[in-house]
């Protein structure tokens, strides 16, 4: 393994570890299942962590059945990340639309005397 692969694996392992720590802390300290934003944060973090873990594992097992399973898993993770980015875009647009409605309602009210 050359220096670039070692650095890539180390950084990916760090990201995976940070994602696991976040998921555990968020699971223990927040009711993440109760809101769409909470579920999104948890799933996005776990997907990024899984993709980082893939990088480490494929470096260890670059060939064989394990590599085939890892590559399939990577494809699934990328599709999950794409879906989560679409969900994130929808959440932003929905939040902006709600904020615009609140601004319109506030503008229509009479100023205090």
PDB file of N, CA and C in Angstrom:
ATOM      1  N   UNK A   1       0.848  -1.170   0.000  1.00  0.00           N
ATOM      2  CA  UNK A   1       0.000   0.000   0.000  1.00  0.00           C
ATOM      3  C   UNK A   1       0.895   1.235   0.000  1.00  0.00           C
ATOM      4  N   UNK A   2       0.669   2.138  -0.951  1.00  0.00           N
ATOM      5  CA  UNK A   2       1.497   3.347  -1.009  1.00  0.00           C
ATOM      6  C   UNK A   2       0.945   4.427  -0.070  1.00  0.00           C
ATOM      7  N   UNK A   3       1.629   5.546   0.004  1.00  0.00           N
ATOM      8  CA  UNK A   3       1.259   6.619   0.930  1.00  0.00           C
ATOM      9  C   UNK A   3      -0.121   7.192   0.631  1.00  0.00           C
ATOM     10  N   UNK A   4      -0.450   7.328  -0.646  1.00  0.00           N
ATOM     11  CA  UNK A   4      -1.759   7.881  -1.019  1.00  0.00           C
ATOM     12  C   UNK A   4      -2.887   6.962  -0.562  1.00  0.00           C
ATOM     13  N   UNK A   5      -2.729   5.654  -0.772  1.00  0.00           N
ATOM     14  CA  UNK A   5      -3.749   4.703  -0.328  1.00  0.00           C
ATOM     15  C   UNK A   5      -3.859   4.692   1.193  1.00  0.00           C
ATOM     16  N   UNK A   6      -2.734   4.758   1.859  1.00  0.00           N
ATOM     17  CA  UNK A   6      -2.734   4.765   3.315  1.00  0.00           C
ATOM     18  C   UNK A   6      -3.437   6.022   3.849  1.00  0.00           C
ATOM     19  N   UNK A   7      -3.128   7.160   3.274  1.00  0.00           N
ATOM     20  CA  UNK A   7      -3.772   8.408   3.690  1.00  0.00           C
ATOM     21  C   UNK A   7      -5.271   8.371   3.404  1.00  0.00           C
ATOM     22  N   UNK A   8      -5.659   7.850   2.239  1.00  0.00           N
ATOM     23  CA  UNK A   8      -7.070   7.746   1.882  1.00  0.00           C
ATOM     24  C   UNK A   8      -7.807   6.823   2.851  1.00  0.00           C
ATOM     25  N   UNK A   9      -7.202   5.693   3.160  1.00  0.00           N
ATOM     26  CA  UNK A   9      -7.822   4.750   4.092  1.00  0.00           C
ATOM     27  C   UNK A   9      -7.929   5.342   5.497  1.00  0.00           C
ATOM     28  N   UNK A  10      -6.892   6.023   5.942  1.00  0.00           N
ATOM     29  CA  UNK A  10      -6.909   6.631   7.278  1.00  0.00           C
ATOM     30  C   UNK A  10      -7.978   7.720   7.373  1.00  0.00           C
ATOM     31  N   UNK A  11      -8.054   8.565   6.360  1.00  0.00           N
ATOM     32  CA  UNK A  11      -9.071   9.619   6.366  1.00  0.00           C
ATOM     33  C   UNK A  11     -10.477   9.024   6.295  1.00  0.00           C
ATOM     34  N   UNK A  12     -10.646   7.996   5.480  1.00  0.00           N
ATOM     35  CA  UNK A  12     -11.951   7.341   5.377  1.00  0.00           C
ATOM     36  C   UNK A  12     -12.338   6.667   6.692  1.00  0.00           C
ATOM     37  N   UNK A  13     -11.369   6.052   7.350  1.00  0.00           N
ATOM     38  CA  UNK A  13     -11.637   5.431   8.651  1.00  0.00           C
ATOM     39  C   UNK A  13     -12.039   6.488   9.678  1.00  0.00           C
ATOM     40  N   UNK A  14     -11.384   7.647   9.630  1.00  0.00           N
ATOM     41  CA  UNK A  14     -11.729   8.736  10.544  1.00  0.00           C
ATOM     42  C   UNK A  14     -13.160   9.215  10.301  1.00  0.00           C
ATOM     43  N   UNK A  15     -13.527   9.390   9.027  1.00  0.00           N
ATOM     44  CA  UNK A  15     -14.897   9.815   8.701  1.00  0.00           C
ATOM     45  C   UNK A  15     -15.901   8.775   9.177  1.00  0.00           C
ATOM     46  N   UNK A  16     -15.621   7.492   8.923  1.00  0.00           N
ATOM     47  CA  UNK A  16     -16.530   6.426   9.364  1.00  0.00           C
ATOM     48  C   UNK A  16     -16.679   6.440  10.883  1.00  0.00           C
ATOM     49  N   UNK A  17     -15.579   6.592  11.596  1.00  0.00           N
ATOM     50  CA  UNK A  17     -15.627   6.647  13.056  1.00  0.00           C
ATOM     51  C   UNK A  17     -16.438   7.846  13.546  1.00  0.00           C
ATOM     52  N   UNK A  18     -16.207   9.003  12.952  1.00  0.00           N
ATOM     53  CA  UNK A  18     -16.969  10.205  13.336  1.00  0.00           C
ATOM     54  C   UNK A  18     -18.463  10.025  13.076  1.00  0.00           C
ATOM     55  N   UNK A  19     -18.798   9.391  11.970  1.00  0.00           N
ATOM     56  CA  UNK A  19     -20.209   9.140  11.655  1.00  0.00           C
ATOM     57  C   UNK A  19     -20.839   8.193  12.664  1.00  0.00           C
ATOM     58  N   UNK A  20     -20.112   7.164  13.056  1.00  0.00           N
ATOM     59  CA  UNK A  20     -20.623   6.222  14.056  1.00  0.00           C
ATOM     60  C   UNK A  20     -20.828   6.936  15.394  1.00  0.00           C
ATOM     61  N   UNK A  21     -19.867   7.746  15.785  1.00  0.00           N
ATOM     62  CA  UNK A  21     -19.983   8.484  17.049  1.00  0.00           C
ATOM     63  C   UNK A  21     -21.189   9.412  17.004  1.00  0.00           C
ATOM     64  N   UNK A  22     -21.354  10.153  15.894  1.00  0.00           N
ATOM     65  CA  UNK A  22     -22.511  11.038  15.765  1.00  0.00           C
ATOM     66  C   UNK A  22     -23.809  10.245  15.879  1.00  0.00           C
ATOM     67  N   UNK A  23     -23.891   9.113  15.161  1.00  0.00           N
ATOM     68  CA  UNK A  23     -25.124   8.323  15.165  1.00  0.00           C
ATOM     69  C   UNK A  23     -25.450   7.831  16.571  1.00  0.00           C
ATOM     70  N   UNK A  24     -24.459   7.383  17.305  1.00  0.00           N
ATOM     71  CA  UNK A  24     -24.700   6.899  18.675  1.00  0.00           C
ATOM     72  C   UNK A  24     -25.150   8.054  19.572  1.00  0.00           C
ATOM     73  N   UNK A  25     -24.438   9.171  19.520  1.00  0.00           N
ATOM     74  CA  UNK A  25     -24.791  10.322  20.354  1.00  0.00           C
ATOM     75  C   UNK A  25     -26.184  10.844  19.987  1.00  0.00           C
ATOM     76  N   UNK A  26     -26.470  10.966  18.717  1.00  0.00           N
ATOM     77  CA  UNK A  26     -27.773  11.468  18.267  1.00  0.00           C
ATOM     78  C   UNK A  26     -28.884  10.505  18.662  1.00  0.00           C
ATOM     79  N   UNK A  27     -28.630   9.216  18.543  1.00  0.00           N
ATOM     80  CA  UNK A  27     -29.628   8.223  18.922  1.00  0.00           C
ATOM     81  C   UNK A  27     -29.940   8.289  20.421  1.00  0.00           C
ATOM     82  N   UNK A  28     -28.906   8.454  21.232  1.00  0.00           N
ATOM     83  CA  UNK A  28     -29.084   8.462  22.678  1.00  0.00           C
ATOM     84  C   UNK A  28     -29.702   9.771  23.173  1.00  0.00           C
ATOM     85  N   UNK A  29     -29.349  10.907  22.561  1.00  0.00           N
ATOM     86  CA  UNK A  29     -29.717  12.208  23.112  1.00  0.00           C
ATOM     87  C   UNK A  29     -30.817  12.951  22.372  1.00  0.00           C
ATOM     88  N   UNK A  30     -31.315  12.433  21.272  1.00  0.00           N
ATOM     89  CA  UNK A  30     -32.327  13.174  20.521  1.00  0.00           C
ATOM     90  C   UNK A  30     -33.416  12.228  20.027  1.00  0.00           C
ATOM     91  N   UNK A  31     -34.639  12.720  19.963  1.00  0.00           N
ATOM     92  CA  UNK A  31     -35.728  11.906  19.416  1.00  0.00           C
ATOM     93  C   UNK A  31     -35.734  11.990  17.885  1.00  0.00           C
ATOM     94  N   UNK A  32     -34.680  11.502  17.255  1.00  0.00           N
ATOM     95  CA  UNK A  32     -34.461  11.694  15.819  1.00  0.00           C
ATOM     96  C   UNK A  32     -35.529  11.036  14.958  1.00  0.00           C
ATOM     97  N   UNK A  33     -36.186  10.001  15.454  1.00  0.00           N
ATOM     98  CA  UNK A  33     -37.197   9.306  14.661  1.00  0.00           C
ATOM     99  C   UNK A  33     -38.488  10.107  14.523  1.00  0.00           C
ATOM    100  N   UNK A  34     -38.675  11.125  15.346  1.00  0.00           N
ATOM    101  CA  UNK A  34     -39.953  11.832  15.386  1.00  0.00           C
ATOM    102  C   UNK A  34     -40.103  12.922  14.329  1.00  0.00           C
ATOM    103  N   UNK A  35     -39.009  13.305  13.657  1.00  0.00           N
ATOM    104  CA  UNK A  35     -39.124  14.350  12.633  1.00  0.00           C
ATOM    105  C   UNK A  35     -38.430  13.910  11.348  1.00  0.00           C
ATOM    106  N   UNK A  36     -38.872  14.471  10.249  1.00  0.00           N
ATOM    107  CA  UNK A  36     -38.235  14.140   8.974  1.00  0.00           C
ATOM    108  C   UNK A  36     -36.795  14.647   8.930  1.00  0.00           C
ATOM    109  N   UNK A  37     -36.535  15.776   9.554  1.00  0.00           N
ATOM    110  CA  UNK A  37     -35.168  16.311   9.592  1.00  0.00           C
ATOM    111  C   UNK A  37     -34.270  15.382  10.414  1.00  0.00           C
ATOM    112  N   UNK A  38     -34.761  14.895  11.538  1.00  0.00           N
ATOM    113  CA  UNK A  38     -33.980  13.976  12.367  1.00  0.00           C
ATOM    114  C   UNK A  38     -33.668  12.679  11.640  1.00  0.00           C
ATOM    115  N   UNK A  39     -34.675  12.124  10.968  1.00  0.00           N
ATOM    116  CA  UNK A  39     -34.447  10.890  10.204  1.00  0.00           C
ATOM    117  C   UNK A  39     -33.457  11.140   9.073  1.00  0.00           C
ATOM    118  N   UNK A  40     -33.589  12.290   8.427  1.00  0.00           N
ATOM    119  CA  UNK A  40     -32.676  12.638   7.337  1.00  0.00           C
ATOM    120  C   UNK A  40     -31.238  12.750   7.845  1.00  0.00           C
ATOM    121  N   UNK A  41     -31.046  13.452   8.949  1.00  0.00           N
ATOM    122  CA  UNK A  41     -29.695  13.598   9.509  1.00  0.00           C
ATOM    123  C   UNK A  41     -29.079  12.244   9.830  1.00  0.00           C
ATOM    124  N   UNK A  42     -29.863  11.378  10.449  1.00  0.00           N
ATOM    125  CA  UNK A  42     -29.344  10.065  10.828  1.00  0.00           C
ATOM    126  C   UNK A  42     -29.007   9.240   9.583  1.00  0.00           C
ATOM    127  N   UNK A  43     -29.913   9.169   8.622  1.00  0.00           N
ATOM    128  CA  UNK A  43     -29.674   8.356   7.427  1.00  0.00           C
ATOM    129  C   UNK A  43     -28.520   8.899   6.594  1.00  0.00           C
ATOM    130  N   UNK A  44     -28.443  10.210   6.435  1.00  0.00           N
ATOM    131  CA  UNK A  44     -27.371  10.801   5.647  1.00  0.00           C
ATOM    132  C   UNK A  44     -26.015  10.539   6.298  1.00  0.00           C
ATOM    133  N   UNK A  45     -25.962  10.704   7.617  1.00  0.00           N
ATOM    134  CA  UNK A  45     -24.714  10.456   8.336  1.00  0.00           C
ATOM    135  C   UNK A  45     -24.288   8.996   8.211  1.00  0.00           C
ATOM    136  N   UNK A  46     -25.243   8.077   8.368  1.00  0.00           N
ATOM    137  CA  UNK A  46     -24.914   6.656   8.256  1.00  0.00           C
ATOM    138  C   UNK A  46     -24.506   6.280   6.833  1.00  0.00           C
ATOM    139  N   UNK A  47     -25.135   6.900   5.835  1.00  0.00           N
ATOM    140  CA  UNK A  47     -24.761   6.606   4.444  1.00  0.00           C
ATOM    141  C   UNK A  47     -23.349   7.087   4.140  1.00  0.00           C
ATOM    142  N   UNK A  48     -22.999   8.279   4.600  1.00  0.00           N
ATOM    143  CA  UNK A  48     -21.639   8.791   4.411  1.00  0.00           C
ATOM    144  C   UNK A  48     -20.641   7.918   5.171  1.00  0.00           C
ATOM    145  N   UNK A  49     -21.000   7.521   6.376  1.00  0.00           N
ATOM    146  CA  UNK A  49     -20.144   6.625   7.144  1.00  0.00           C
ATOM    147  C   UNK A  49     -19.962   5.285   6.456  1.00  0.00           C
ATOM    148  N   UNK A  50     -21.043   4.764   5.872  1.00  0.00           N
ATOM    149  CA  UNK A  50     -20.952   3.498   5.145  1.00  0.00           C
ATOM    150  C   UNK A  50     -20.064   3.605   3.919  1.00  0.00           C
ATOM    151  N   UNK A  51     -20.180   4.715   3.213  1.00  0.00           N
ATOM    152  CA  UNK A  51     -19.337   4.931   2.039  1.00  0.00           C
ATOM    153  C   UNK A  51     -17.856   5.040   2.444  1.00  0.00           C
ATOM    154  N   UNK A  52     -17.608   5.677   3.554  1.00  0.00           N
ATOM    155  CA  UNK A  52     -16.232   5.775   4.055  1.00  0.00           C
ATOM    156  C   UNK A  52     -15.713   4.410   4.504  1.00  0.00           C
ATOM    157  N   UNK A  53     -16.562   3.644   5.161  1.00  0.00           N
ATOM    158  CA  UNK A  53     -16.169   2.296   5.578  1.00  0.00           C
ATOM    159  C   UNK A  53     -15.882   1.426   4.356  1.00  0.00           C
ATOM    160  N   UNK A  54     -16.659   1.617   3.299  1.00  0.00           N
ATOM    161  CA  UNK A  54     -16.408   0.881   2.047  1.00  0.00           C
ATOM    162  C   UNK A  54     -14.979   1.137   1.562  1.00  0.00           C
ATOM    163  N   UNK A  55     -14.565   2.384   1.582  1.00  0.00           N
ATOM    164  CA  UNK A  55     -13.229   2.738   1.101  1.00  0.00           C
ATOM    165  C   UNK A  55     -12.150   1.985   1.875  1.00  0.00           C
ATOM    166  N   UNK A  56     -12.337   1.892   3.175  1.00  0.00           N
ATOM    167  CA  UNK A  56     -11.362   1.163   3.997  1.00  0.00           C
ATOM    168  C   UNK A  56     -11.399  -0.329   3.667  1.00  0.00           C
ATOM    169  N   UNK A  57     -12.591  -0.895   3.613  1.00  0.00           N
ATOM    170  CA  UNK A  57     -12.720  -2.340   3.410  1.00  0.00           C
ATOM    171  C   UNK A  57     -12.275  -2.788   2.018  1.00  0.00           C
ATOM    172  N   UNK A  58     -12.563  -1.977   0.989  1.00  0.00           N
ATOM    173  CA  UNK A  58     -12.171  -2.382  -0.366  1.00  0.00           C
ATOM    174  C   UNK A  58     -10.655  -2.307  -0.521  1.00  0.00           C
ATOM    175  N   UNK A  59      -9.994  -1.492   0.289  1.00  0.00           N
ATOM    176  CA  UNK A  59      -8.535  -1.445   0.276  1.00  0.00           C
ATOM    177  C   UNK A  59      -7.965  -2.729   0.876  1.00  0.00           C
ATOM    178  N   UNK A  60      -8.646  -3.258   1.882  1.00  0.00           N
ATOM    179  CA  UNK A  60      -8.205  -4.490   2.530  1.00  0.00           C
ATOM    180  C   UNK A  60      -8.532  -5.713   1.665  1.00  0.00           C
ATOM    181  N   UNK A  61      -9.732  -5.735   1.072  1.00  0.00           N
ATOM    182  CA  UNK A  61     -10.179  -6.859   0.233  1.00  0.00           C
ATOM    183  C   UNK A  61     -10.491  -6.370  -1.180  1.00  0.00           C
ATOM    184  N   UNK A  62      -9.480  -6.113  -2.004  1.00  0.00           N
ATOM    185  CA  UNK A  62      -9.727  -5.565  -3.346  1.00  0.00           C
ATOM    186  C   UNK A  62     -10.229  -6.592  -4.360  1.00  0.00           C
ATOM    187  N   UNK A  63     -10.161  -7.886  -4.029  1.00  0.00           N
ATOM    188  CA  UNK A  63     -10.542  -8.931  -4.983  1.00  0.00           C
ATOM    189  C   UNK A  63     -11.458  -9.950  -4.312  1.00  0.00           C
ATOM    190  N   UNK A  64     -12.102 -10.753  -5.157  1.00  0.00           N
ATOM    191  CA  UNK A  64     -12.883 -11.874  -4.656  1.00  0.00           C
ATOM    192  C   UNK A  64     -14.329 -11.535  -4.375  1.00  0.00           C
ATOM    193  N   UNK A  65     -14.985 -12.461  -3.700  1.00  0.00           N
ATOM    194  CA  UNK A  65     -16.409 -12.330  -3.392  1.00  0.00           C
ATOM    195  C   UNK A  65     -16.658 -11.136  -2.480  1.00  0.00           C
ATOM    196  N   UNK A  66     -15.788 -10.943  -1.494  1.00  0.00           N
ATOM    197  CA  UNK A  66     -15.951  -9.802  -0.579  1.00  0.00           C
ATOM    198  C   UNK A  66     -15.940  -8.488  -1.348  1.00  0.00           C
ATOM    199  N   UNK A  67     -15.055  -8.359  -2.319  1.00  0.00           N
ATOM    200  CA  UNK A  67     -14.984  -7.132  -3.120  1.00  0.00           C
ATOM    201  C   UNK A  67     -16.252  -6.938  -3.943  1.00  0.00           C
ATOM    202  N   UNK A  68     -16.791  -8.024  -4.477  1.00  0.00           N
ATOM    203  CA  UNK A  68     -18.027  -7.934  -5.255  1.00  0.00           C
ATOM    204  C   UNK A  68     -19.182  -7.456  -4.370  1.00  0.00           C
ATOM    205  N   UNK A  69     -19.291  -8.016  -3.188  1.00  0.00           N
ATOM    206  CA  UNK A  69     -20.341  -7.595  -2.244  1.00  0.00           C
ATOM    207  C   UNK A  69     -20.135  -6.139  -1.840  1.00  0.00           C
ATOM    208  N   UNK A  70     -18.893  -5.760  -1.577  1.00  0.00           N
ATOM    209  CA  UNK A  70     -18.604  -4.376  -1.203  1.00  0.00           C
ATOM    210  C   UNK A  70     -18.960  -3.411  -2.324  1.00  0.00           C
ATOM    211  N   UNK A  71     -18.660  -3.770  -3.571  1.00  0.00           N
ATOM    212  CA  UNK A  71     -18.984  -2.879  -4.696  1.00  0.00           C
ATOM    213  C   UNK A  71     -20.492  -2.747  -4.884  1.00  0.00           C
ATOM    214  N   UNK A  72     -21.220  -3.838  -4.687  1.00  0.00           N
ATOM    215  CA  UNK A  72     -22.682  -3.775  -4.752  1.00  0.00           C
ATOM    216  C   UNK A  72     -23.217  -2.874  -3.638  1.00  0.00           C
ATOM    217  N   UNK A  73     -22.673  -3.043  -2.438  1.00  0.00           N
ATOM    218  CA  UNK A  73     -23.089  -2.219  -1.302  1.00  0.00           C
ATOM    219  C   UNK A  73     -22.794  -0.751  -1.565  1.00  0.00           C
ATOM    220  N   UNK A  74     -21.652  -0.470  -2.181  1.00  0.00           N
ATOM    221  CA  UNK A  74     -21.296   0.914  -2.521  1.00  0.00           C
ATOM    222  C   UNK A  74     -22.316   1.514  -3.471  1.00  0.00           C
ATOM    223  N   UNK A  75     -22.743   0.752  -4.461  1.00  0.00           N
ATOM    224  CA  UNK A  75     -23.753   1.237  -5.404  1.00  0.00           C
ATOM    225  C   UNK A  75     -25.055   1.558  -4.680  1.00  0.00           C
ATOM    226  N   UNK A  76     -25.463   0.691  -3.785  1.00  0.00           N
ATOM    227  CA  UNK A  76     -26.678   0.930  -3.007  1.00  0.00           C
ATOM    228  C   UNK A  76     -26.523   2.188  -2.152  1.00  0.00           C
ATOM    229  N   UNK A  77     -25.381   2.338  -1.503  1.00  0.00           N
ATOM    230  CA  UNK A  77     -25.138   3.534  -0.687  1.00  0.00           C
ATOM    231  C   UNK A  77     -25.190   4.809  -1.523  1.00  0.00           C
ATOM    232  N   UNK A  78     -24.627   4.775  -2.713  1.00  0.00           N
ATOM    233  CA  UNK A  78     -24.674   5.962  -3.582  1.00  0.00           C
ATOM    234  C   UNK A  78     -26.105   6.295  -3.990  1.00  0.00           C
ATOM    235  N   UNK A  79     -26.920   5.279  -4.242  1.00  0.00           N
ATOM    236  CA  UNK A  79     -28.330   5.518  -4.568  1.00  0.00           C
ATOM    237  C   UNK A  79     -29.081   6.096  -3.367  1.00  0.00           C
ATOM    238  N   UNK A  80     -28.765   5.609  -2.174  1.00  0.00           N
ATOM    239  CA  UNK A  80     -29.370   6.153  -0.955  1.00  0.00           C
ATOM    240  C   UNK A  80     -28.959   7.611  -0.775  1.00  0.00           C
ATOM    241  N   UNK A  81     -27.693   7.919  -0.994  1.00  0.00           N
ATOM    242  CA  UNK A  81     -27.229   9.307  -0.867  1.00  0.00           C
ATOM    243  C   UNK A  81     -27.930  10.202  -1.889  1.00  0.00           C
ATOM    244  N   UNK A  82     -28.085   9.734  -3.114  1.00  0.00           N
ATOM    245  CA  UNK A  82     -28.799  10.519  -4.128  1.00  0.00           C
ATOM    246  C   UNK A  82     -30.234  10.791  -3.681  1.00  0.00           C
ATOM    247  N   UNK A  83     -30.908   9.771  -3.167  1.00  0.00           N
ATOM    248  CA  UNK A  83     -32.284   9.955  -2.694  1.00  0.00           C
ATOM    249  C   UNK A  83     -32.342  10.930  -1.522  1.00  0.00           C
ATOM    250  N   UNK A  84     -31.370  10.859  -0.636  1.00  0.00           N
ATOM    251  CA  UNK A  84     -31.336  11.770   0.505  1.00  0.00           C
ATOM    252  C   UNK A  84     -31.055  13.211   0.075  1.00  0.00           C
ATOM    253  N   UNK A  85     -30.253  13.404  -0.953  1.00  0.00           N
ATOM    254  CA  UNK A  85     -30.016  14.763  -1.461  1.00  0.00           C
ATOM    255  C   UNK A  85     -31.294  15.314  -2.092  1.00  0.00           C
ATOM    256  N   UNK A  86     -32.044  14.472  -2.793  1.00  0.00           N
ATOM    257  CA  UNK A  86     -33.338  14.897  -3.335  1.00  0.00           C
ATOM    258  C   UNK A  86     -34.276  15.268  -2.189  1.00  0.00           C
ATOM    259  N   UNK A  87     -34.307  14.443  -1.131  1.00  0.00           N
ATOM    260  CA  UNK A  87     -35.130  14.744   0.033  1.00  0.00           C
ATOM    261  C   UNK A  87     -34.691  16.058   0.676  1.00  0.00           C
ATOM    262  N   UNK A  88     -33.391  16.276   0.774  1.00  0.00           N
ATOM    263  CA  UNK A  88     -32.865  17.512   1.364  1.00  0.00           C
ATOM    264  C   UNK A  88     -33.302  18.726   0.551  1.00  0.00           C
ATOM    265  N   UNK A  89     -33.250  18.608  -0.773  1.00  0.00           N
ATOM    266  CA  UNK A  89     -33.690  19.699  -1.645  1.00  0.00           C
ATOM    267  C   UNK A  89     -35.166  19.995  -1.416  1.00  0.00           C
ATOM    268  N   UNK A  90     -35.964  18.937  -1.322  1.00  0.00           N
ATOM    269  CA  UNK A  90     -37.401  19.104  -1.087  1.00  0.00           C
ATOM    270  C   UNK A  90     -37.661  19.768   0.268  1.00  0.00           C
ATOM    271  N   UNK A  91     -36.897  19.380   1.291  1.00  0.00           N
ATOM    272  CA  UNK A  91     -37.065  19.979   2.614  1.00  0.00           C
ATOM    273  C   UNK A  91     -36.714  21.463   2.595  1.00  0.00           C
ATOM    274  N   UNK A  92     -35.679  21.832   1.863  1.00  0.00           N
ATOM    275  CA  UNK A  92     -35.292  23.243   1.764  1.00  0.00           C
ATOM    276  C   UNK A  92     -36.394  24.045   1.062  1.00  0.00           C
ATOM    277  N   UNK A  93     -36.882  23.516  -0.041  1.00  0.00           N
ATOM    278  CA  UNK A  93     -37.942  24.224  -0.771  1.00  0.00           C
ATOM    279  C   UNK A  93     -39.209  24.354   0.067  1.00  0.00           C
ATOM    280  N   UNK A  94     -39.548  23.309   0.800  1.00  0.00           N
ATOM    281  CA  UNK A  94     -40.725  23.359   1.667  1.00  0.00           C
ATOM    282  C   UNK A  94     -40.540  24.382   2.774  1.00  0.00           C
ATOM    283  N   UNK A  95     -39.374  24.410   3.385  1.00  0.00           N
ATOM    284  CA  UNK A  95     -39.099  25.373   4.452  1.00  0.00           C
ATOM    285  C   UNK A  95     -39.132  26.801   3.921  1.00  0.00           C
ATOM    286  N   UNK A  96     -38.577  27.013   2.741  1.00  0.00           N
ATOM    287  CA  UNK A  96     -38.599  28.356   2.155  1.00  0.00           C
ATOM    288  C   UNK A  96     -40.024  28.779   1.828  1.00  0.00           C
ATOM    289  N   UNK A  97     -40.830  27.848   1.348  1.00  0.00           N
ATOM    290  CA  UNK A  97     -42.222  28.158   1.025  1.00  0.00           C
ATOM    291  C   UNK A  97     -42.986  28.524   2.297  1.00  0.00           C
ATOM    292  N   UNK A  98     -42.765  27.778   3.373  1.00  0.00           N
ATOM    293  CA  UNK A  98     -43.427  28.089   4.643  1.00  0.00           C
ATOM    294  C   UNK A  98     -42.970  29.439   5.168  1.00  0.00           C
ATOM    295  N   UNK A  99     -41.686  29.742   5.049  1.00  0.00           N
ATOM    296  CA  UNK A  99     -41.170  31.033   5.509  1.00  0.00           C
ATOM    297  C   UNK A  99     -41.777  32.170   4.701  1.00  0.00           C
ATOM    298  N   UNK A 100     -41.950  31.964   3.403  1.00  0.00           N
ATOM    299  CA  UNK A 100     -42.562  32.992   2.559  1.00  0.00           C
ATOM    300  C   UNK A 100     -44.006  33.215   2.976  1.00  0.00           C
ATOM    301  N   UNK A 101     -44.724  32.169   3.311  1.00  0.00           N
ATOM    302  CA  UNK A 101     -46.111  32.307   3.766  1.00  0.00           C
ATOM    303  C   UNK A 101     -46.179  33.066   5.080  1.00  0.00           C
ATOM    304  N   UNK A 102     -45.256  32.806   5.993  1.00  0.00           N
ATOM    305  CA  UNK A 102     -45.223  33.522   7.273  1.00  0.00           C
ATOM    306  C   UNK A 102     -44.932  35.000   7.017  1.00  0.00           C
ATOM    307  N   UNK A 103     -43.993  35.308   6.122  1.00  0.00           N
ATOM    308  CA  UNK A 103     -43.676  36.703   5.797  1.00  0.00           C
ATOM    309  C   UNK A 103     -44.882  37.412   5.201  1.00  0.00           C
ATOM    310  N   UNK A 104     -45.617  36.739   4.339  1.00  0.00           N
ATOM    311  CA  UNK A 104     -46.806  37.349   3.724  1.00  0.00           C
ATOM    312  C   UNK A 104     -47.845  37.645   4.792  1.00  0.00           C
ATOM    313  N   UNK A 105     -48.079  36.715   5.691  1.00  0.00           N
ATOM    314  CA  UNK A 105     -49.061  36.922   6.758  1.00  0.00           C
ATOM    315  C   UNK A 105     -48.630  38.046   7.681  1.00  0.00           C
ATOM    316  N   UNK A 106     -47.365  38.163   7.974  1.00  0.00           N
ATOM    317  CA  UNK A 106     -46.852  39.214   8.853  1.00  0.00           C
ATOM    318  C   UNK A 106     -47.004  40.573   8.194  1.00  0.00           C
ATOM    319  N   UNK A 107     -46.772  40.656   6.878  1.00  0.00           N
ATOM    320  CA  UNK A 107     -46.891  41.920   6.165  1.00  0.00           C
ATOM    321  C   UNK A 107     -48.324  42.422   6.132  1.00  0.00           C
ATOM    322  N   UNK A 108     -49.295  41.544   6.161  1.00  0.00           N
ATOM    323  CA  UNK A 108     -50.710  41.940   6.054  1.00  0.00           C
ATOM    324  C   UNK A 108     -51.277  42.448   7.372  1.00  0.00           C
ATOM    325  N   UNK A 109     -50.618  42.139   8.467  1.00  0.00           N
ATOM    326  CA  UNK A 109     -51.137  42.574   9.765  1.00  0.00           C
ATOM    327  C   UNK A 109     -50.919  44.066   9.932  1.00  0.00           C
ATOM    328  N   UNK A 110     -51.835  44.682  10.647  1.00  0.00           N
ATOM    329  CA  UNK A 110     -51.700  46.112  10.930  1.00  0.00           C
ATOM    330  C   UNK A 110     -50.581  46.336  11.919  1.00  0.00           C
ATOM    331  N   UNK A 111     -49.805  47.399  11.729  1.00  0.00           N
ATOM    332  CA  UNK A 111     -48.743  47.693  12.695  1.00  0.00           C
ATOM    333  C   UNK A 111     -49.338  48.107  14.031  1.00  0.00           C
ATOM    334  N   UNK A 112     -48.633  47.848  15.132  1.00  0.00           N
ATOM    335  CA  UNK A 112     -49.154  48.234  16.460  1.00  0.00           C
ATOM    336  C   UNK A 112     -49.207  49.757  16.582  1.00  0.00           C
ATOM    337  N   UNK A 113     -50.211  50.234  17.326  1.00  0.00           N
ATOM    338  CA  UNK A 113     -50.392  51.690  17.515  1.00  0.00           C
ATOM    339  C   UNK A 113     -49.737  52.165  18.758  1.00  0.00           C
TER     340      UNK A 113
END
